[in-house]
């Protein structure tokens, strides 16, 4: 039995090392995004339960399997958005190499997409906690909003520069 667990640990470690080597800086960010998506889902469950307890006669409040399923589908969409960003990065690296152009960046769109989604999840968690009557310092939500706006501004500026506007 102990050999079985050792083999599983070895397999998980090997796969983790391989994925980390291939994804580089994206690996810890994708892991963080997964953690944030789970935390957001749990905080939404908490908020729905508290809202229902505080307003038992309101049929619009509380948890529903439909809302839960939509939340899961949205999280899957986030994963697809990261895959799209990473795919664009890959295409840029391959195409520039084929054209003889040297670029010093392996990841850009995948990185920005992942960071934007992490910030979006953090914002959603703070909103869910507020709905669950968990009082947080105002600066938490403010700093998340500022960071998200800065990422969006950076993306918009770089898009404008690329179009030559």
N, C-alpha and C. Protein backbone atom coordinates (compact mmCIF):
# COMPACT_ATOMS: atom_id res chain seq x y z
N UNK A 1 0.83 -1.20 0.00
CA UNK A 1 0.00 0.00 0.00
C UNK A 1 0.87 1.26 0.00
N UNK A 2 1.96 1.19 0.77
CA UNK A 2 2.86 2.35 0.84
C UNK A 2 3.52 2.61 -0.51
N UNK A 3 3.86 1.53 -1.23
CA UNK A 3 4.44 1.68 -2.57
C UNK A 3 3.45 2.34 -3.53
N UNK A 4 2.18 2.04 -3.36
CA UNK A 4 1.13 2.63 -4.19
C UNK A 4 1.10 4.15 -4.01
N UNK A 5 1.11 4.61 -2.74
CA UNK A 5 1.10 6.05 -2.47
C UNK A 5 2.38 6.72 -2.94
N UNK A 6 3.50 6.03 -2.81
CA UNK A 6 4.77 6.57 -3.30
C UNK A 6 4.73 6.73 -4.81
N UNK A 7 4.16 5.75 -5.50
CA UNK A 7 4.05 5.83 -6.96
C UNK A 7 3.14 6.99 -7.38
N UNK A 8 2.03 7.18 -6.66
CA UNK A 8 1.12 8.30 -6.97
C UNK A 8 1.83 9.63 -6.73
N UNK A 9 2.55 9.75 -5.62
CA UNK A 9 3.29 10.99 -5.34
C UNK A 9 4.31 11.27 -6.44
N UNK A 10 5.01 10.22 -6.87
CA UNK A 10 6.00 10.38 -7.93
C UNK A 10 5.34 10.83 -9.23
N UNK A 11 4.21 10.23 -9.57
CA UNK A 11 3.49 10.59 -10.78
C UNK A 11 3.01 12.04 -10.72
N UNK A 12 2.41 12.43 -9.61
CA UNK A 12 1.92 13.81 -9.45
C UNK A 12 3.08 14.80 -9.51
N UNK A 13 4.18 14.48 -8.85
CA UNK A 13 5.35 15.36 -8.86
C UNK A 13 5.92 15.49 -10.27
N UNK A 14 6.01 14.39 -10.99
CA UNK A 14 6.53 14.42 -12.36
C UNK A 14 5.65 15.25 -13.27
N UNK A 15 4.35 15.02 -13.20
CA UNK A 15 3.41 15.79 -14.04
C UNK A 15 3.47 17.27 -13.68
N UNK A 16 3.50 17.57 -12.38
CA UNK A 16 3.56 18.97 -11.94
C UNK A 16 4.83 19.65 -12.44
N UNK A 17 5.96 18.96 -12.34
CA UNK A 17 7.22 19.53 -12.81
C UNK A 17 7.19 19.77 -14.31
N UNK A 18 6.64 18.83 -15.07
CA UNK A 18 6.55 18.98 -16.52
C UNK A 18 5.67 20.17 -16.89
N UNK A 19 4.49 20.24 -16.28
CA UNK A 19 3.55 21.33 -16.58
C UNK A 19 4.17 22.67 -16.19
N UNK A 20 4.82 22.73 -15.02
CA UNK A 20 5.46 23.98 -14.59
C UNK A 20 6.56 24.41 -15.56
N UNK A 21 7.33 23.44 -16.04
CA UNK A 21 8.40 23.77 -16.98
C UNK A 21 7.83 24.30 -18.29
N UNK A 22 6.74 23.72 -18.76
CA UNK A 22 6.14 24.15 -20.02
C UNK A 22 5.41 25.48 -19.89
N UNK A 23 4.73 25.70 -18.77
CA UNK A 23 3.93 26.92 -18.61
C UNK A 23 4.72 28.09 -18.05
N UNK A 24 5.84 27.82 -17.42
CA UNK A 24 6.66 28.90 -16.86
C UNK A 24 5.89 29.70 -15.83
N UNK A 25 5.88 31.02 -16.01
CA UNK A 25 5.23 31.92 -15.06
C UNK A 25 3.73 31.69 -14.97
N UNK A 26 3.14 31.11 -16.00
CA UNK A 26 1.69 30.88 -15.99
C UNK A 26 1.27 29.77 -15.02
N UNK A 27 2.15 28.83 -14.72
CA UNK A 27 1.77 27.69 -13.87
C UNK A 27 1.25 28.14 -12.50
N UNK A 28 2.00 28.95 -11.74
CA UNK A 28 1.45 29.35 -10.44
C UNK A 28 0.22 30.24 -10.57
N UNK A 29 0.16 31.03 -11.64
CA UNK A 29 -1.01 31.89 -11.83
C UNK A 29 -2.26 31.08 -12.18
N UNK A 30 -2.10 30.05 -12.97
CA UNK A 30 -3.24 29.19 -13.29
C UNK A 30 -3.70 28.46 -12.04
N UNK A 31 -2.75 28.00 -11.22
CA UNK A 31 -3.12 27.36 -9.96
C UNK A 31 -3.87 28.35 -9.06
N UNK A 32 -3.37 29.58 -8.99
CA UNK A 32 -4.05 30.62 -8.20
C UNK A 32 -5.45 30.88 -8.75
N UNK A 33 -5.58 30.93 -10.07
CA UNK A 33 -6.90 31.14 -10.67
C UNK A 33 -7.86 30.01 -10.29
N UNK A 34 -7.39 28.77 -10.33
CA UNK A 34 -8.23 27.64 -9.94
C UNK A 34 -8.67 27.76 -8.48
N UNK A 35 -7.74 28.14 -7.61
CA UNK A 35 -8.08 28.33 -6.19
C UNK A 35 -9.11 29.44 -6.04
N UNK A 36 -8.91 30.55 -6.76
CA UNK A 36 -9.84 31.67 -6.68
C UNK A 36 -11.22 31.30 -7.21
N UNK A 37 -11.27 30.49 -8.27
CA UNK A 37 -12.56 30.07 -8.82
C UNK A 37 -13.32 29.21 -7.81
N UNK A 38 -12.61 28.32 -7.12
CA UNK A 38 -13.25 27.50 -6.09
C UNK A 38 -13.72 28.39 -4.93
N UNK A 39 -12.86 29.32 -4.51
CA UNK A 39 -13.22 30.23 -3.42
C UNK A 39 -14.42 31.09 -3.80
N UNK A 40 -14.48 31.52 -5.05
CA UNK A 40 -15.62 32.33 -5.51
C UNK A 40 -16.90 31.51 -5.46
N UNK A 41 -16.83 30.27 -5.90
CA UNK A 41 -18.01 29.40 -5.90
C UNK A 41 -18.50 29.18 -4.46
N UNK A 42 -17.56 28.90 -3.56
CA UNK A 42 -17.91 28.68 -2.15
C UNK A 42 -18.48 29.96 -1.54
N UNK A 43 -17.87 31.11 -1.85
CA UNK A 43 -18.38 32.37 -1.29
C UNK A 43 -19.77 32.70 -1.85
N UNK A 44 -20.05 32.30 -3.08
CA UNK A 44 -21.39 32.50 -3.65
C UNK A 44 -22.41 31.61 -2.93
N UNK A 45 -22.01 30.38 -2.62
CA UNK A 45 -22.89 29.50 -1.84
C UNK A 45 -23.19 30.10 -0.47
N UNK A 46 -22.16 30.60 0.17
CA UNK A 46 -22.30 31.23 1.48
C UNK A 46 -23.24 32.44 1.40
N UNK A 47 -23.02 33.29 0.41
CA UNK A 47 -23.85 34.49 0.25
C UNK A 47 -25.30 34.11 0.00
N UNK A 48 -25.53 33.13 -0.85
CA UNK A 48 -26.91 32.71 -1.16
C UNK A 48 -27.60 32.17 0.09
N UNK A 49 -26.88 31.40 0.88
CA UNK A 49 -27.46 30.84 2.10
C UNK A 49 -27.80 31.94 3.11
N UNK A 50 -26.88 32.87 3.31
CA UNK A 50 -27.12 33.97 4.26
C UNK A 50 -28.28 34.83 3.79
N UNK A 51 -28.32 35.15 2.49
CA UNK A 51 -29.42 35.96 1.96
C UNK A 51 -30.77 35.27 2.18
N UNK A 52 -30.81 33.97 1.97
CA UNK A 52 -32.06 33.23 2.15
C UNK A 52 -32.47 33.19 3.62
N UNK A 53 -31.49 33.02 4.51
CA UNK A 53 -31.80 33.01 5.94
C UNK A 53 -32.31 34.38 6.40
N UNK A 54 -31.75 35.44 5.85
CA UNK A 54 -32.16 36.80 6.22
C UNK A 54 -33.48 37.21 5.57
N UNK A 55 -33.84 36.58 4.46
CA UNK A 55 -35.06 36.92 3.71
C UNK A 55 -35.79 35.65 3.31
N UNK A 56 -36.34 34.92 4.28
CA UNK A 56 -36.93 33.61 3.96
C UNK A 56 -38.15 33.67 3.03
N UNK A 57 -38.80 34.81 2.95
CA UNK A 57 -40.00 34.91 2.11
C UNK A 57 -39.72 35.38 0.69
N UNK A 58 -38.47 35.65 0.37
CA UNK A 58 -38.12 36.12 -0.97
C UNK A 58 -37.69 34.93 -1.83
N UNK A 59 -38.51 34.52 -2.78
CA UNK A 59 -38.17 33.34 -3.60
C UNK A 59 -37.01 33.58 -4.57
N UNK A 60 -36.65 34.83 -4.80
CA UNK A 60 -35.55 35.13 -5.73
C UNK A 60 -34.18 34.91 -5.09
N UNK A 61 -34.15 34.88 -3.76
CA UNK A 61 -32.88 34.73 -3.06
C UNK A 61 -32.65 33.27 -2.69
N UNK A 62 -31.40 32.95 -2.46
CA UNK A 62 -31.04 31.59 -2.07
C UNK A 62 -30.36 30.85 -3.21
N UNK A 63 -30.01 29.63 -2.93
CA UNK A 63 -29.27 28.82 -3.88
C UNK A 63 -30.23 28.06 -4.78
N UNK A 64 -29.85 27.96 -6.04
CA UNK A 64 -30.61 27.11 -6.97
C UNK A 64 -29.61 26.32 -7.80
N UNK A 65 -30.00 25.13 -8.18
CA UNK A 65 -29.10 24.30 -8.98
C UNK A 65 -28.83 24.95 -10.34
N UNK A 66 -29.79 25.70 -10.86
CA UNK A 66 -29.60 26.38 -12.14
C UNK A 66 -28.49 27.43 -12.01
N UNK A 67 -28.56 28.25 -10.94
CA UNK A 67 -27.51 29.26 -10.72
C UNK A 67 -26.15 28.60 -10.53
N UNK A 68 -26.15 27.48 -9.79
CA UNK A 68 -24.90 26.76 -9.56
C UNK A 68 -24.30 26.23 -10.85
N UNK A 69 -25.16 25.64 -11.69
CA UNK A 69 -24.69 25.11 -12.97
C UNK A 69 -24.17 26.24 -13.86
N UNK A 70 -24.87 27.36 -13.89
CA UNK A 70 -24.41 28.50 -14.69
C UNK A 70 -23.06 29.00 -14.19
N UNK A 71 -22.88 29.00 -12.87
CA UNK A 71 -21.59 29.41 -12.30
C UNK A 71 -20.47 28.49 -12.73
N UNK A 72 -20.73 27.19 -12.73
CA UNK A 72 -19.72 26.23 -13.16
C UNK A 72 -19.40 26.41 -14.64
N UNK A 73 -20.43 26.61 -15.46
CA UNK A 73 -20.20 26.82 -16.89
C UNK A 73 -19.37 28.09 -17.13
N UNK A 74 -19.63 29.12 -16.33
CA UNK A 74 -18.87 30.36 -16.45
C UNK A 74 -17.40 30.12 -16.12
N UNK A 75 -17.15 29.33 -15.08
CA UNK A 75 -15.77 29.00 -14.70
C UNK A 75 -15.08 28.20 -15.82
N UNK A 76 -15.81 27.30 -16.44
CA UNK A 76 -15.24 26.55 -17.56
C UNK A 76 -14.91 27.50 -18.72
N UNK A 77 -15.76 28.49 -18.92
CA UNK A 77 -15.49 29.51 -19.94
C UNK A 77 -14.22 30.28 -19.63
N UNK A 78 -13.98 30.56 -18.35
CA UNK A 78 -12.74 31.23 -17.96
C UNK A 78 -11.53 30.39 -18.37
N UNK A 79 -11.64 29.08 -18.12
CA UNK A 79 -10.54 28.20 -18.52
C UNK A 79 -10.30 28.24 -20.02
N UNK A 80 -11.38 28.28 -20.78
CA UNK A 80 -11.25 28.37 -22.24
C UNK A 80 -10.63 29.70 -22.65
N UNK A 81 -10.96 30.78 -21.94
CA UNK A 81 -10.37 32.09 -22.25
C UNK A 81 -8.86 32.06 -22.04
N UNK A 82 -8.40 31.38 -20.98
CA UNK A 82 -6.96 31.25 -20.75
C UNK A 82 -6.32 30.44 -21.87
N UNK A 83 -6.99 29.37 -22.29
CA UNK A 83 -6.48 28.55 -23.40
C UNK A 83 -6.37 29.38 -24.67
N UNK A 84 -7.35 30.22 -24.94
CA UNK A 84 -7.31 31.09 -26.13
C UNK A 84 -6.11 32.03 -26.03
N UNK A 85 -5.93 32.67 -24.87
CA UNK A 85 -4.79 33.57 -24.69
C UNK A 85 -3.46 32.86 -24.87
N UNK A 86 -3.35 31.66 -24.29
CA UNK A 86 -2.11 30.89 -24.43
C UNK A 86 -1.90 30.45 -25.88
N UNK A 87 -2.97 30.13 -26.58
CA UNK A 87 -2.87 29.72 -27.98
C UNK A 87 -2.39 30.88 -28.85
N UNK A 88 -2.90 32.07 -28.58
CA UNK A 88 -2.44 33.25 -29.32
C UNK A 88 -0.96 33.47 -29.07
N UNK A 89 -0.54 33.34 -27.80
CA UNK A 89 0.89 33.47 -27.48
C UNK A 89 1.72 32.47 -28.26
N UNK A 90 1.26 31.23 -28.29
CA UNK A 90 1.98 30.17 -29.00
C UNK A 90 2.09 30.49 -30.49
N UNK A 91 0.98 30.91 -31.08
CA UNK A 91 1.00 31.26 -32.50
C UNK A 91 1.97 32.40 -32.79
N UNK A 92 1.97 33.40 -31.93
CA UNK A 92 2.88 34.54 -32.13
C UNK A 92 4.33 34.07 -32.07
N UNK A 93 4.66 33.24 -31.08
CA UNK A 93 6.03 32.76 -30.93
C UNK A 93 6.44 31.93 -32.15
N UNK A 94 5.58 31.01 -32.57
CA UNK A 94 5.90 30.14 -33.71
C UNK A 94 6.01 30.95 -35.00
N UNK A 95 5.04 31.84 -35.24
CA UNK A 95 5.05 32.62 -36.49
C UNK A 95 6.23 33.58 -36.55
N UNK A 96 6.54 34.24 -35.45
CA UNK A 96 7.68 35.16 -35.48
C UNK A 96 8.98 34.41 -35.68
N UNK A 97 9.08 33.22 -35.11
CA UNK A 97 10.29 32.41 -35.31
C UNK A 97 10.41 32.00 -36.77
N UNK A 98 9.29 31.61 -37.39
CA UNK A 98 9.29 31.22 -38.80
C UNK A 98 9.65 32.40 -39.70
N UNK A 99 9.25 33.60 -39.30
CA UNK A 99 9.54 34.80 -40.09
C UNK A 99 10.91 35.38 -39.80
N UNK A 100 11.63 34.75 -38.86
CA UNK A 100 12.96 35.23 -38.52
C UNK A 100 12.96 36.44 -37.60
N UNK A 101 11.85 36.68 -36.96
CA UNK A 101 11.74 37.81 -36.03
C UNK A 101 11.98 37.28 -34.62
N UNK A 102 12.82 37.97 -33.88
CA UNK A 102 13.11 37.57 -32.51
C UNK A 102 12.29 38.42 -31.55
N UNK A 103 11.56 37.75 -30.69
CA UNK A 103 10.85 38.44 -29.61
C UNK A 103 11.29 37.83 -28.29
N UNK A 104 11.30 38.65 -27.27
CA UNK A 104 11.79 38.20 -25.97
C UNK A 104 10.68 37.76 -25.02
N UNK A 105 9.48 37.61 -25.54
CA UNK A 105 8.34 37.28 -24.69
C UNK A 105 7.74 35.96 -25.16
N UNK A 106 7.57 35.02 -24.22
CA UNK A 106 6.91 33.75 -24.55
C UNK A 106 5.43 33.80 -24.25
N UNK A 107 5.05 34.62 -23.30
CA UNK A 107 3.65 34.70 -22.91
C UNK A 107 3.25 36.15 -22.72
N UNK A 108 2.10 36.50 -23.20
CA UNK A 108 1.59 37.85 -23.01
C UNK A 108 0.08 37.80 -22.84
N UNK A 109 -0.62 37.33 -23.86
CA UNK A 109 -2.08 37.29 -23.80
C UNK A 109 -2.58 36.28 -22.77
N UNK A 110 -1.93 35.13 -22.70
CA UNK A 110 -2.30 34.15 -21.68
C UNK A 110 -2.08 34.69 -20.29
N UNK A 111 -0.96 35.39 -20.11
CA UNK A 111 -0.64 35.99 -18.81
C UNK A 111 -1.65 37.07 -18.43
N UNK A 112 -1.90 38.00 -19.35
CA UNK A 112 -2.85 39.07 -19.06
C UNK A 112 -4.26 38.54 -18.82
N UNK A 113 -4.66 37.56 -19.61
CA UNK A 113 -5.99 36.97 -19.43
C UNK A 113 -6.11 36.32 -18.06
N UNK A 114 -5.08 35.58 -17.67
CA UNK A 114 -5.10 34.90 -16.37
C UNK A 114 -5.13 35.91 -15.23
N UNK A 115 -4.30 36.95 -15.31
CA UNK A 115 -4.28 37.97 -14.26
C UNK A 115 -5.62 38.68 -14.19
N UNK A 116 -6.20 39.04 -15.33
CA UNK A 116 -7.49 39.72 -15.34
C UNK A 116 -8.56 38.84 -14.70
N UNK A 117 -8.55 37.55 -15.01
CA UNK A 117 -9.54 36.64 -14.44
C UNK A 117 -9.35 36.46 -12.94
N UNK A 118 -8.09 36.41 -12.48
CA UNK A 118 -7.82 36.33 -11.04
C UNK A 118 -8.40 37.56 -10.34
N UNK A 119 -8.14 38.73 -10.90
CA UNK A 119 -8.67 39.96 -10.30
C UNK A 119 -10.19 39.97 -10.32
N UNK A 120 -10.77 39.48 -11.39
CA UNK A 120 -12.23 39.39 -11.49
C UNK A 120 -12.78 38.46 -10.40
N UNK A 121 -12.12 37.34 -10.18
CA UNK A 121 -12.54 36.40 -9.14
C UNK A 121 -12.41 37.04 -7.75
N UNK A 122 -11.31 37.74 -7.51
CA UNK A 122 -11.12 38.40 -6.22
C UNK A 122 -12.22 39.42 -5.96
N UNK A 123 -12.56 40.17 -6.99
CA UNK A 123 -13.63 41.15 -6.87
C UNK A 123 -14.96 40.45 -6.57
N UNK A 124 -15.22 39.37 -7.24
CA UNK A 124 -16.45 38.62 -7.02
C UNK A 124 -16.51 38.05 -5.60
N UNK A 125 -15.38 37.57 -5.10
CA UNK A 125 -15.33 37.04 -3.74
C UNK A 125 -15.65 38.13 -2.73
N UNK A 126 -15.06 39.32 -2.91
CA UNK A 126 -15.36 40.41 -1.97
C UNK A 126 -16.83 40.80 -2.04
N UNK A 127 -17.41 40.79 -3.23
CA UNK A 127 -18.84 41.10 -3.37
C UNK A 127 -19.70 40.02 -2.71
N UNK A 128 -19.33 38.76 -2.87
CA UNK A 128 -20.08 37.67 -2.24
C UNK A 128 -19.99 37.75 -0.72
N UNK A 129 -18.80 38.07 -0.22
CA UNK A 129 -18.65 38.20 1.23
C UNK A 129 -19.51 39.34 1.77
N UNK A 130 -19.57 40.43 1.02
CA UNK A 130 -20.43 41.54 1.42
C UNK A 130 -21.90 41.09 1.47
N UNK A 131 -22.33 40.33 0.46
CA UNK A 131 -23.70 39.80 0.43
C UNK A 131 -23.97 38.86 1.59
N UNK A 132 -22.91 38.21 2.09
CA UNK A 132 -23.04 37.27 3.21
C UNK A 132 -22.89 37.98 4.55
N UNK A 133 -22.94 39.30 4.54
CA UNK A 133 -22.81 40.13 5.74
C UNK A 133 -21.44 40.02 6.41
N UNK A 134 -20.43 39.68 5.64
CA UNK A 134 -19.06 39.68 6.15
C UNK A 134 -18.48 41.05 5.82
N UNK A 135 -18.20 41.81 6.83
CA UNK A 135 -17.68 43.16 6.62
C UNK A 135 -16.17 43.11 6.41
N UNK A 136 -15.75 43.74 5.36
CA UNK A 136 -14.33 43.79 5.00
C UNK A 136 -13.89 45.24 4.96
N UNK A 137 -12.59 45.47 5.11
CA UNK A 137 -12.11 46.84 4.95
C UNK A 137 -12.35 47.31 3.52
N UNK A 138 -12.73 48.56 3.37
CA UNK A 138 -13.02 49.11 2.04
C UNK A 138 -11.84 49.00 1.08
N UNK A 139 -10.63 49.07 1.63
CA UNK A 139 -9.46 49.06 0.75
C UNK A 139 -9.32 47.75 -0.02
N UNK A 140 -9.85 46.64 0.52
CA UNK A 140 -9.72 45.37 -0.20
C UNK A 140 -10.39 45.42 -1.56
N UNK A 141 -11.63 45.83 -1.58
CA UNK A 141 -12.34 45.90 -2.86
C UNK A 141 -11.76 47.02 -3.72
N UNK A 142 -11.36 48.11 -3.09
CA UNK A 142 -10.80 49.23 -3.85
C UNK A 142 -9.52 48.84 -4.57
N UNK A 143 -8.63 48.13 -3.87
CA UNK A 143 -7.35 47.76 -4.49
C UNK A 143 -7.57 46.77 -5.62
N UNK A 144 -8.51 45.85 -5.46
CA UNK A 144 -8.81 44.90 -6.54
C UNK A 144 -9.35 45.65 -7.76
N UNK A 145 -10.24 46.61 -7.53
CA UNK A 145 -10.78 47.41 -8.64
C UNK A 145 -9.68 48.20 -9.34
N UNK A 146 -8.77 48.79 -8.56
CA UNK A 146 -7.66 49.56 -9.14
C UNK A 146 -6.77 48.66 -9.97
N UNK A 147 -6.41 47.50 -9.43
CA UNK A 147 -5.54 46.57 -10.18
C UNK A 147 -6.20 46.11 -11.47
N UNK A 148 -7.49 45.78 -11.38
CA UNK A 148 -8.22 45.33 -12.58
C UNK A 148 -8.26 46.43 -13.63
N UNK A 149 -8.52 47.67 -13.18
CA UNK A 149 -8.56 48.79 -14.12
C UNK A 149 -7.19 49.02 -14.76
N UNK A 150 -6.12 48.87 -13.98
CA UNK A 150 -4.77 49.04 -14.52
C UNK A 150 -4.45 48.00 -15.58
N UNK A 151 -4.86 46.76 -15.35
CA UNK A 151 -4.64 45.70 -16.35
C UNK A 151 -5.42 46.02 -17.61
N UNK A 152 -6.68 46.43 -17.46
CA UNK A 152 -7.50 46.77 -18.63
C UNK A 152 -6.92 47.97 -19.37
N UNK A 153 -6.43 48.96 -18.65
CA UNK A 153 -5.82 50.14 -19.28
C UNK A 153 -4.58 49.75 -20.05
N UNK A 154 -3.74 48.87 -19.46
CA UNK A 154 -2.53 48.42 -20.14
C UNK A 154 -2.88 47.69 -21.43
N UNK A 155 -3.88 46.84 -21.38
CA UNK A 155 -4.31 46.11 -22.57
C UNK A 155 -4.80 47.08 -23.63
N UNK A 156 -5.63 48.05 -23.24
CA UNK A 156 -6.17 49.03 -24.19
C UNK A 156 -5.07 49.90 -24.79
N UNK A 157 -4.09 50.32 -23.97
CA UNK A 157 -2.99 51.14 -24.48
C UNK A 157 -2.16 50.37 -25.50
N UNK A 158 -1.86 49.12 -25.18
CA UNK A 158 -1.04 48.33 -26.10
C UNK A 158 -1.80 48.02 -27.38
N UNK A 159 -3.10 47.81 -27.28
CA UNK A 159 -3.90 47.59 -28.50
C UNK A 159 -3.92 48.85 -29.35
N UNK A 160 -4.03 50.02 -28.71
CA UNK A 160 -4.03 51.29 -29.44
C UNK A 160 -2.69 51.51 -30.13
N UNK A 161 -1.58 51.20 -29.42
CA UNK A 161 -0.25 51.37 -30.01
C UNK A 161 -0.06 50.45 -31.21
N UNK A 162 -0.56 49.23 -31.12
CA UNK A 162 -0.41 48.27 -32.21
C UNK A 162 -1.19 48.70 -33.44
N UNK A 163 -2.34 49.37 -33.23
CA UNK A 163 -3.15 49.84 -34.36
C UNK A 163 -2.61 51.15 -34.91
N UNK A 164 -1.66 51.77 -34.20
CA UNK A 164 -1.08 53.02 -34.67
C UNK A 164 -1.94 54.23 -34.44
N UNK A 165 -2.82 54.17 -33.45
CA UNK A 165 -3.71 55.30 -33.17
C UNK A 165 -3.01 56.33 -32.31
